[in-house]
Amino acid sequence: MDFTELYKQSLYLSQFSPNGQFLATAYRNKLVIRDSNTLEVIVIHTSAEIIQSIAWSPDSELLLAGCFKSGAVYIWGVYDEEWNAKIEEGTVGLTNAKWSPDGRSVLCFSDFQRHVTFNSRNILKKVNRETSFLDGKYFILAERRDGKDYIGIYDCNNAWRLLKHFVVDTVDLENLAWSPDGRYIAVWDNRIDYRVLIYTPDGRCQKSYSAYEMELGVKTATWAPSSQFLAVSSYDQKIRFLNHYNWSPTIEFLHTSPVNDIPDLTILREVSEGESKDYGRSIIKYVIQDQPIELLSIRPDPEKPNPRLGVGLCKFNANGTLVASRNDNMPNCLWIWDISMLKPIVLFIQLMPIKNFHWNPQDPHQLVLFCGSEYLYLWSGEEIGAEIIQVPQVNFLVNNLRWNPSGQSLLLMDKEVFCVSFFVNEDNESYGEGDISSVLTHY
């Protein structure tokens, strides 16, 4: 891989544009837009306050910067440097701002989730709570009124007109998600009540599913790209895959210990071999571990809220054939499951707790994980296997990362700096286009 030199950023506010051509970075009150391949600065914008949030419009032509302390949102153009706009929420406060799918309206979330303001040239409307979009045409929003949860569906292309409004059978709605094909809405209740509800956009409840009672319930839920499965991750360390025929669990994946007699499971354990005499850095590698094996599990403190227990991260790959997951009370372990084979195929055991992992948006057999160290851990399918890549920059720890939508480069972030890594092809050439030799370090 090729690595660029380090550049400044703050609050991990660095993002590739949806088309993958640009890289936006916020540093204090400045917003820098670069070419994503050469990292050449295209334009620098300045706000009057510290920037706390940034977001690209879906068409990659506009960029917003949220300054929550002052309740202001700045909007700048990429191609037209002179064009700009400012939204001021005033006394109602501001906690978040996001784009509508058409890239011409901004949703501003008020303090305490009291309301959302739709800001565009022709409309100003206020509603409240959880949100989700579908294909740029419809907008779904959860509301709380008179002690009950409601779902409202709005037309994005017709002045945000309310199309449907119905009550949902939850005690205190935790979140919702529209299926990728737009046919169903998944709603799950608070973490005390295990309940997953499947609704159609016209308000009909297709299924109310509960795996058990009187215990901590759903931690998160994720749709498969095909919409054929809803993966429900729970505090009981299981992932249940609800099928789209009758919304019953077809598959259950259990994060168990000890691991014993699982056929064709590759277990990769990270080990340290001391420090390099030349560079003073640790030498680490993966070794294949045999079964049975006992996994390190953390015992949650019953006196503290939000216990580190259950499946907190569950992500499908690009084509929905594989799922990667992390059980929060086994933070050093990452499981990769094959949906068609109904079993795990790879288990990573890291020296440090896994902070996060991300699938390549283009290559369904490539995944990168990081542990807040100087290393990247790259898995490229069962045939190629896994490799450990050391970031060459000194005193740089990978605390966050993002894929370029093209899948050909990675944005790596430490607390106050970032760099970009490019994959190298078989001819030892970087996938980045243009002249980047002056900012690259080859590894």
Protein backbone atom coordinates (compact mmCIF):
# COMPACT_ATOMS: atom_id res chain seq x y z
CA MET A 1 0.00 0.00 0.00
CA ASP A 2 1.00 3.62 -0.54
CA PHE A 3 0.51 6.14 2.28
CA THR A 4 0.38 9.92 1.99
CA GLU A 5 1.95 12.28 4.47
CA LEU A 6 -0.08 13.52 7.45
CA TYR A 7 -2.58 16.38 7.29
CA LYS A 8 -4.49 18.16 10.05
CA GLN A 9 -8.12 17.44 10.94
CA SER A 10 -10.26 17.71 14.06
CA LEU A 11 -13.06 15.61 15.58
CA TYR A 12 -12.55 12.94 12.86
CA LEU A 13 -14.35 15.25 10.44
CA SER A 14 -12.95 13.88 7.19
CA GLN A 15 -15.15 12.37 4.47
CA PHE A 16 -14.92 11.27 0.86
CA SER A 17 -17.62 12.65 -1.42
CA PRO A 18 -20.28 10.16 -2.59
CA ASN A 19 -18.75 10.10 -6.09
CA GLY A 20 -15.31 9.45 -4.61
CA GLN A 21 -13.67 12.42 -6.35
CA PHE A 22 -13.24 14.75 -3.38
CA LEU A 23 -12.08 14.63 0.23
CA ALA A 24 -13.44 17.16 2.73
CA THR A 25 -11.67 17.83 6.01
CA ALA A 26 -12.60 20.16 8.87
CA TYR A 27 -9.95 21.68 11.09
CA ARG A 28 -11.34 24.02 13.73
CA ASN A 29 -13.25 26.66 11.74
CA LYS A 30 -11.83 25.78 8.31
CA LEU A 31 -13.21 23.33 5.76
CA VAL A 32 -10.70 22.08 3.20
CA ILE A 33 -11.81 20.32 0.00
CA ARG A 34 -9.15 18.24 -1.78
CA ASP A 35 -8.89 16.02 -4.81
CA SER A 36 -9.19 12.49 -3.41
CA ASN A 37 -6.46 11.08 -5.68
CA THR A 38 -3.78 13.79 -5.56
CA LEU A 39 -4.87 15.47 -2.27
CA GLU A 40 -4.38 18.80 -4.03
CA VAL A 41 -6.37 21.56 -2.28
CA ILE A 42 -9.30 22.71 -4.40
CA VAL A 43 -10.87 25.29 -2.08
CA ILE A 44 -10.82 26.35 1.58
CA HIS A 45 -13.94 27.71 3.30
CA THR A 46 -14.04 29.42 6.69
CA SER A 47 -16.86 29.67 9.22
CA ALA A 48 -17.21 32.04 12.16
CA GLU A 49 -17.42 29.16 14.67
CA ILE A 50 -15.79 25.80 15.33
CA ILE A 51 -17.11 23.16 12.90
CA GLN A 52 -18.59 20.13 14.66
CA SER A 53 -20.15 18.21 11.79
CA ILE A 54 -19.81 17.93 8.02
CA ALA A 55 -21.87 16.16 5.35
CA TRP A 56 -21.73 15.90 1.55
CA SER A 57 -24.84 16.33 -0.56
CA PRO A 58 -25.73 13.11 -2.43
CA ASP A 59 -24.68 14.65 -5.77
CA SER A 60 -21.26 15.73 -4.34
CA GLU A 61 -21.85 19.34 -5.39
CA LEU A 62 -22.53 20.88 -1.97
CA LEU A 63 -21.12 20.47 1.53
CA LEU A 64 -22.63 21.48 4.85
CA ALA A 65 -20.84 22.27 8.09
CA GLY A 66 -22.73 22.23 11.38
CA CYS A 67 -21.76 24.57 14.22
CA PHE A 68 -23.98 23.27 16.99
CA LYS A 69 -22.94 25.66 19.75
CA SER A 70 -24.22 28.64 17.78
CA GLY A 71 -27.07 26.74 16.12
CA ALA A 72 -25.80 27.49 12.61
CA VAL A 73 -25.30 25.42 9.46
CA TYR A 74 -23.05 26.67 6.67
CA ILE A 75 -23.46 25.39 3.10
CA TRP A 76 -20.80 25.77 0.42
CA GLY A 77 -20.48 24.77 -3.21
CA VAL A 78 -17.63 22.71 -4.62
CA TYR A 79 -17.67 23.92 -8.21
CA ASP A 80 -18.97 27.42 -7.50
CA GLU A 81 -16.66 28.85 -4.85
CA GLU A 82 -18.72 32.02 -4.49
CA TRP A 83 -22.00 30.26 -3.73
CA ASN A 84 -22.85 29.85 -0.03
CA ALA A 85 -25.78 29.77 2.39
CA LYS A 86 -26.34 29.86 6.13
CA ILE A 87 -29.14 28.39 8.25
CA GLU A 88 -29.66 29.69 11.78
CA GLU A 89 -31.81 27.66 14.17
CA GLY A 90 -31.53 30.17 16.99
CA THR A 91 -32.91 29.41 20.44
CA VAL A 92 -34.31 25.95 19.57
CA GLY A 93 -30.76 24.62 19.39
CA LEU A 94 -29.09 22.30 16.90
CA THR A 95 -27.79 18.75 17.42
CA ASN A 96 -27.51 17.40 13.87
CA ALA A 97 -27.95 18.31 10.21
CA LYS A 98 -28.30 16.05 7.19
CA TRP A 99 -29.12 16.29 3.49
CA SER A 100 -32.30 15.20 1.79
CA PRO A 101 -31.74 12.69 -1.03
CA ASP A 102 -32.12 15.31 -3.76
CA GLY A 103 -29.31 17.37 -2.24
CA ARG A 104 -31.37 20.55 -2.24
CA SER A 105 -32.89 20.46 1.26
CA VAL A 106 -31.28 20.25 4.70
CA LEU A 107 -32.86 18.63 7.74
CA CYS A 108 -31.88 20.35 10.99
CA PHE A 109 -32.48 18.43 14.23
CA SER A 110 -33.27 20.55 17.25
CA ASP A 111 -32.07 20.10 20.82
CA PHE A 112 -33.87 17.38 22.84
CA GLN A 113 -35.28 16.01 19.52
CA ARG A 114 -38.17 18.45 19.71
CA HIS A 115 -38.40 18.95 15.96
CA VAL A 116 -36.75 18.68 12.58
CA THR A 117 -36.72 21.67 10.27
CA PHE A 118 -36.76 21.12 6.50
CA ASN A 119 -34.78 23.97 4.95
CA SER A 120 -35.01 24.58 1.22
CA ARG A 121 -35.99 27.35 -1.13
CA ASN A 122 -39.71 26.58 -0.93
CA ILE A 123 -40.50 24.74 2.30
CA LEU A 124 -40.12 25.07 6.05
CA LYS A 125 -41.74 22.36 8.16
CA LYS A 126 -41.26 20.96 11.66
CA VAL A 127 -41.61 17.35 12.84
CA ASN A 128 -39.64 15.16 15.29
CA ARG A 129 -37.49 12.01 16.03
CA GLU A 130 -35.91 9.07 14.07
CA THR A 131 -35.56 9.32 10.27
CA SER A 132 -34.88 7.25 7.16
CA PHE A 133 -35.04 7.82 3.39
CA LEU A 134 -36.01 5.59 0.46
CA ASP A 135 -34.64 6.09 -3.07
CA GLY A 136 -34.78 9.86 -2.72
CA LYS A 137 -38.57 9.78 -3.05
CA TYR A 138 -39.91 9.19 0.45
CA PHE A 139 -38.93 10.19 3.95
CA ILE A 140 -39.91 8.24 7.04
CA LEU A 141 -39.91 9.75 10.50
CA ALA A 142 -40.78 8.40 13.96
CA GLU A 143 -42.64 10.70 16.32
CA ARG A 144 -43.68 10.61 19.97
CA ARG A 145 -47.06 12.08 20.84
CA ASP A 146 -49.16 11.64 23.97
CA GLY A 147 -47.06 8.72 25.17
CA LYS A 148 -47.33 6.78 21.87
CA ASP A 149 -44.97 6.23 18.95
CA TYR A 150 -46.04 7.13 15.42
CA ILE A 151 -44.53 6.80 11.94
CA GLY A 152 -45.02 9.47 9.32
CA ILE A 153 -44.17 8.99 5.63
CA TYR A 154 -43.49 12.14 3.60
CA ASP A 155 -43.14 12.84 -0.12
CA CYS A 156 -39.71 14.40 -0.73
CA ASN A 157 -40.67 15.63 -4.19
CA ASN A 158 -43.98 17.25 -3.26
CA ALA A 159 -43.23 19.90 -0.62
CA TRP A 160 -42.71 17.20 2.03
CA ARG A 161 -46.41 16.35 1.96
CA LEU A 162 -47.53 13.81 4.59
CA LEU A 163 -48.65 10.63 2.79
CA LYS A 164 -49.29 8.28 5.71
CA HIS A 165 -49.34 8.56 9.49
CA PHE A 166 -49.92 5.58 11.81
CA VAL A 167 -49.28 4.41 15.36
CA VAL A 168 -46.74 1.64 16.06
CA ASP A 169 -47.03 -0.95 18.82
CA THR A 170 -43.88 -0.07 20.78
CA VAL A 171 -43.33 0.96 24.38
CA ASP A 172 -40.53 3.37 23.46
CA LEU A 173 -39.30 3.10 19.87
CA GLU A 174 -35.53 2.73 19.69
CA ASN A 175 -34.93 2.96 15.93
CA LEU A 176 -36.25 2.08 12.50
CA ALA A 177 -34.92 1.12 9.07
CA TRP A 178 -36.47 0.97 5.62
CA SER A 179 -35.69 -2.18 3.65
CA PRO A 180 -33.50 -1.53 0.56
CA ASP A 181 -36.36 -2.53 -1.78
CA GLY A 182 -38.76 -0.17 -0.03
CA ARG A 183 -41.41 -2.79 0.74
CA TYR A 184 -41.01 -2.97 4.52
CA ILE A 185 -40.17 -0.87 7.56
CA ALA A 186 -38.40 -2.54 10.48
CA VAL A 187 -39.01 -1.02 13.92
CA TRP A 188 -37.48 -2.20 17.17
CA ASP A 189 -38.36 -1.31 20.73
CA ASN A 190 -36.17 -0.06 23.57
CA ARG A 191 -33.47 -2.31 24.98
CA ILE A 192 -35.61 -3.50 27.88
CA ASP A 193 -38.42 -4.86 25.69
CA TYR A 194 -37.42 -7.38 23.01
CA ARG A 195 -39.74 -6.57 20.14
CA VAL A 196 -39.19 -6.24 16.38
CA LEU A 197 -42.10 -5.06 14.26
CA ILE A 198 -42.34 -5.25 10.46
CA TYR A 199 -44.68 -2.75 8.79
CA THR A 200 -45.62 -2.05 5.19
CA PRO A 201 -45.56 1.61 4.09
CA ASP A 202 -49.37 1.74 4.26
CA GLY A 203 -49.27 1.02 8.02
CA ARG A 204 -50.10 -2.71 8.12
CA CYS A 205 -48.15 -4.73 10.68
CA GLN A 206 -46.80 -7.89 9.04
CA LYS A 207 -45.11 -9.36 12.10
CA SER A 208 -44.40 -8.70 15.76
CA TYR A 209 -41.41 -10.84 16.73
CA SER A 210 -40.01 -11.41 20.21
CA ALA A 211 -37.29 -14.01 20.89
CA TYR A 212 -37.67 -13.93 24.67
CA GLU A 213 -39.03 -11.85 27.55
CA MET A 214 -37.83 -10.30 30.81
CA GLU A 215 -34.24 -9.80 29.58
CA LEU A 216 -32.29 -7.17 27.68
CA GLY A 217 -33.50 -7.25 24.08
CA VAL A 218 -32.49 -5.95 20.66
CA LYS A 219 -29.16 -4.17 20.38
CA THR A 220 -29.26 -3.35 16.66
CA ALA A 221 -30.86 -4.52 13.42
CA THR A 222 -29.52 -4.48 9.85
CA TRP A 223 -31.13 -5.24 6.49
CA ALA A 224 -29.39 -7.47 3.97
CA PRO A 225 -28.75 -5.66 0.64
CA SER A 226 -31.30 -8.00 -1.02
CA SER A 227 -33.96 -7.23 1.66
CA GLN A 228 -34.42 -11.01 2.08
CA PHE A 229 -33.11 -10.98 5.66
CA LEU A 230 -33.26 -8.70 8.65
CA ALA A 231 -30.31 -9.43 10.96
CA VAL A 232 -31.37 -8.78 14.56
CA SER A 233 -28.47 -8.56 17.02
CA SER A 234 -29.30 -9.13 20.67
CA TYR A 235 -27.88 -8.98 24.16
CA ASP A 236 -27.99 -12.79 24.38
CA GLN A 237 -24.94 -12.88 22.03
CA LYS A 238 -26.97 -14.11 19.04
CA ILE A 239 -27.78 -12.80 15.58
CA ARG A 240 -31.19 -13.91 14.35
CA PHE A 241 -31.93 -13.65 10.62
CA LEU A 242 -35.62 -13.03 10.01
CA ASN A 243 -36.64 -14.14 6.50
CA HIS A 244 -38.92 -12.03 4.30
CA TYR A 245 -41.51 -14.80 3.80
CA ASN A 246 -42.93 -15.16 7.31
CA TRP A 247 -40.50 -13.01 9.35
CA SER A 248 -39.40 -15.92 11.52
CA PRO A 249 -35.75 -16.67 12.32
CA THR A 250 -34.27 -18.86 9.58
CA ILE A 251 -30.71 -18.70 10.89
CA GLU A 252 -29.23 -18.10 14.32
CA PHE A 253 -25.54 -17.34 14.80
CA LEU A 254 -24.23 -17.70 18.35
CA HIS A 255 -20.97 -16.11 19.49
CA THR A 256 -19.87 -18.88 21.77
CA SER A 257 -16.88 -19.85 23.86
CA PRO A 258 -15.17 -22.25 23.86
CA VAL A 259 -14.98 -22.69 20.09
CA ASN A 260 -15.05 -26.39 19.46
CA ASP A 261 -15.73 -28.71 16.51
CA ILE A 262 -16.78 -26.03 14.00
CA PRO A 263 -15.82 -27.50 10.61
CA ASP A 264 -13.75 -25.49 8.10
CA LEU A 265 -13.34 -22.57 10.51
CA THR A 266 -10.06 -20.67 10.13
CA ILE A 267 -8.95 -19.11 13.42
CA LEU A 268 -6.34 -16.37 13.07
CA ARG A 269 -4.67 -15.24 16.29
CA GLU A 270 -2.52 -12.10 16.37
CA VAL A 271 0.77 -12.64 18.20
CA SER A 272 3.70 -10.38 19.02
CA GLU A 273 7.30 -11.34 18.34
CA GLY A 274 8.93 -8.45 20.18
CA GLU A 275 10.30 -5.20 18.78
CA SER A 276 12.24 -4.48 15.63
CA LYS A 277 15.85 -3.45 16.30
CA ASP A 278 15.87 -1.14 13.29
CA TYR A 279 12.59 0.72 13.81
CA GLY A 280 11.71 0.14 17.47
CA ARG A 281 8.22 -1.07 16.56
CA SER A 282 6.46 -4.26 17.54
CA ILE A 283 6.64 -7.19 15.16
CA ILE A 284 3.26 -8.92 14.93
CA LYS A 285 1.76 -11.57 12.72
CA TYR A 286 -1.17 -13.97 12.45
CA VAL A 287 -0.86 -17.63 13.38
CA ILE A 288 -3.46 -20.30 12.69
CA GLN A 289 -5.04 -21.55 15.91
CA ASP A 290 -6.44 -25.04 16.34
CA GLN A 291 -9.71 -25.94 18.04
CA PRO A 292 -10.82 -26.13 20.79
CA ILE A 293 -10.03 -22.64 22.02
CA GLU A 294 -11.33 -20.50 24.87
CA LEU A 295 -12.11 -16.88 23.98
CA LEU A 296 -11.49 -14.01 26.37
CA SER A 297 -14.87 -12.77 27.63
CA ILE A 298 -15.48 -9.68 29.78
CA ARG A 299 -17.92 -9.99 32.63
CA PRO A 300 -20.27 -6.96 32.52
CA ASP A 301 -20.81 -4.90 35.64
CA PRO A 302 -24.50 -5.26 36.61
CA GLU A 303 -24.37 -1.94 38.48
CA LYS A 304 -23.50 0.10 35.35
CA PRO A 305 -25.91 1.08 32.55
CA ASN A 306 -25.38 0.01 28.92
CA PRO A 307 -23.42 -3.17 29.72
CA ARG A 308 -20.75 -4.34 27.29
CA LEU A 309 -22.70 -7.42 26.35
CA GLY A 310 -24.19 -8.81 23.17
CA VAL A 311 -23.64 -8.25 19.46
CA GLY A 312 -22.95 -4.54 19.03
CA LEU A 313 -21.60 -4.59 15.46
CA CYS A 314 -23.12 -6.59 12.60
CA LYS A 315 -22.49 -5.69 8.95
CA PHE A 316 -23.31 -7.35 5.63
CA ASN A 317 -20.80 -7.24 2.78
CA ALA A 318 -21.65 -5.55 -0.51
CA ASN A 319 -23.59 -8.47 -2.02
CA GLY A 320 -25.07 -9.83 1.22
CA THR A 321 -23.34 -13.22 1.14
CA LEU A 322 -21.14 -12.62 4.20
CA VAL A 323 -21.71 -11.04 7.60
CA ALA A 324 -19.06 -9.75 10.01
CA SER A 325 -19.85 -9.27 13.69
CA ARG A 326 -18.33 -8.36 17.04
CA ASN A 327 -19.72 -9.52 20.36
CA ASP A 328 -19.13 -6.65 22.79
CA ASN A 329 -18.19 -8.86 25.72
CA MET A 330 -15.59 -10.54 23.46
CA PRO A 331 -14.13 -7.27 22.11
CA ASN A 332 -10.92 -8.84 20.74
CA CYS A 333 -12.77 -11.21 18.40
CA LEU A 334 -14.24 -10.67 14.94
CA TRP A 335 -16.42 -13.33 13.31
CA ILE A 336 -17.08 -13.67 9.58
CA TRP A 337 -20.10 -15.81 8.70
CA ASP A 338 -21.12 -17.34 5.38
CA ILE A 339 -24.89 -17.00 4.94
CA SER A 340 -25.20 -19.79 2.36
CA MET A 341 -23.18 -22.26 4.46
CA LEU A 342 -24.92 -21.19 7.71
CA LYS A 343 -21.68 -21.13 9.69
CA PRO A 344 -18.61 -19.02 10.55
CA ILE A 345 -15.67 -19.28 8.17
CA VAL A 346 -13.11 -16.98 9.83
CA LEU A 347 -12.47 -15.93 13.42
CA PHE A 348 -9.95 -13.17 14.19
CA ILE A 349 -8.48 -12.99 17.70
CA GLN A 350 -6.70 -9.67 18.18
CA LEU A 351 -4.22 -8.53 20.84
CA MET A 352 -6.28 -5.37 21.41
CA PRO A 353 -10.05 -4.73 21.42
CA ILE A 354 -11.47 -4.17 17.94
CA LYS A 355 -12.70 -0.60 17.54
CA ASN A 356 -14.56 -1.16 14.28
CA PHE A 357 -14.46 -2.79 10.87
CA HIS A 358 -15.71 -1.94 7.39
CA TRP A 359 -16.40 -3.93 4.25
CA ASN A 360 -15.03 -2.70 0.93
CA PRO A 361 -18.03 -1.05 -0.81
CA GLN A 362 -17.01 -2.59 -4.15
CA ASP A 363 -15.24 -5.86 -3.32
CA PRO A 364 -17.53 -8.17 -1.30
CA HIS A 365 -14.58 -10.29 -0.16
CA GLN A 366 -12.47 -7.55 1.36
CA LEU A 367 -12.75 -6.23 4.91
CA VAL A 368 -10.53 -3.96 7.01
CA LEU A 369 -10.51 -3.77 10.81
CA PHE A 370 -8.60 -1.58 13.25
CA CYS A 371 -7.84 -1.60 16.97
CA GLY A 372 -6.58 1.93 17.67
CA SER A 373 -2.98 0.89 16.97
CA GLU A 374 -0.43 1.59 14.23
CA TYR A 375 -1.69 -1.37 12.20
CA LEU A 376 -4.38 -2.11 9.63
CA TYR A 377 -5.77 -5.63 9.40
CA LEU A 378 -6.95 -6.55 5.90
CA TRP A 379 -8.90 -9.69 4.99
CA SER A 380 -9.26 -10.39 1.25
CA GLY A 381 -11.26 -13.60 1.12
CA GLU A 382 -10.57 -17.21 2.02
CA GLU A 383 -8.19 -17.80 -0.91
CA ILE A 384 -5.95 -14.78 -0.28
CA GLY A 385 -6.37 -14.65 3.49
CA ALA A 386 -5.40 -11.87 5.90
CA GLU A 387 -2.45 -9.53 6.23
CA ILE A 388 -1.25 -7.01 8.80
CA ILE A 389 -0.15 -3.65 7.41
CA GLN A 390 1.89 -1.24 9.50
CA VAL A 391 1.21 2.45 8.90
CA PRO A 392 4.69 3.96 8.31
CA GLN A 393 3.94 7.37 9.86
CA VAL A 394 5.51 7.75 13.30
CA ASN A 395 3.21 8.11 16.33
CA PHE A 396 0.12 7.61 14.17
CA LEU A 397 -2.67 5.42 15.56
CA VAL A 398 -5.60 4.32 13.42
CA ASN A 399 -8.59 5.41 15.51
CA ASN A 400 -11.04 5.71 12.64
CA LEU A 401 -11.17 5.01 8.92
CA ARG A 402 -13.43 5.28 5.90
CA TRP A 403 -13.40 3.64 2.48
CA ASN A 404 -13.46 5.70 -0.68
CA PRO A 405 -16.73 4.75 -2.45
CA SER A 406 -14.54 3.48 -5.29
CA GLY A 407 -13.06 0.89 -2.93
CA GLN A 408 -9.51 1.77 -4.04
CA SER A 409 -8.30 3.86 -1.11
CA LEU A 410 -8.74 4.29 2.64
CA LEU A 411 -8.94 7.42 4.77
CA LEU A 412 -7.09 6.79 8.04
CA MET A 413 -7.61 9.09 11.01
CA ASP A 414 -5.87 9.70 14.31
CA LYS A 415 -7.20 12.25 16.80
CA GLU A 416 -5.83 15.35 15.04
CA VAL A 417 -4.27 14.14 11.78
CA PHE A 418 -5.14 11.92 8.83
CA CYS A 419 -3.54 10.24 5.86
CA VAL A 420 -4.80 8.32 2.83
CA SER A 421 -3.64 4.87 1.80
CA PHE A 422 -3.89 3.61 -1.78
CA PHE A 423 -3.86 0.00 -2.88
CA VAL A 424 -1.05 -1.01 -5.23
CA ASN A 425 -1.78 -3.18 -8.27
CA GLU A 426 0.32 -6.03 -9.60
CA ASP A 427 2.53 -3.60 -11.57
CA ASN A 428 3.38 -1.80 -8.31
CA GLU A 429 1.33 1.22 -9.37
CA SER A 430 -1.03 3.07 -7.04
CA TYR A 431 -4.74 3.05 -7.93
CA GLY A 432 -4.82 6.78 -7.25
CA GLU A 433 -4.77 8.85 -10.45
CA GLY A 434 -2.55 11.82 -11.11
CA ASP A 435 0.82 12.79 -9.70
CA ILE A 436 0.90 11.90 -6.00
CA SER A 437 4.54 10.93 -5.75
CA SER A 438 5.40 13.97 -3.68
CA VAL A 439 3.02 12.98 -0.86
CA LEU A 440 3.39 9.19 -0.86
CA THR A 441 5.28 6.85 1.39
CA HIS A 442 5.51 3.31 -0.01
CA TYR A 443 5.09 0.35 2.29
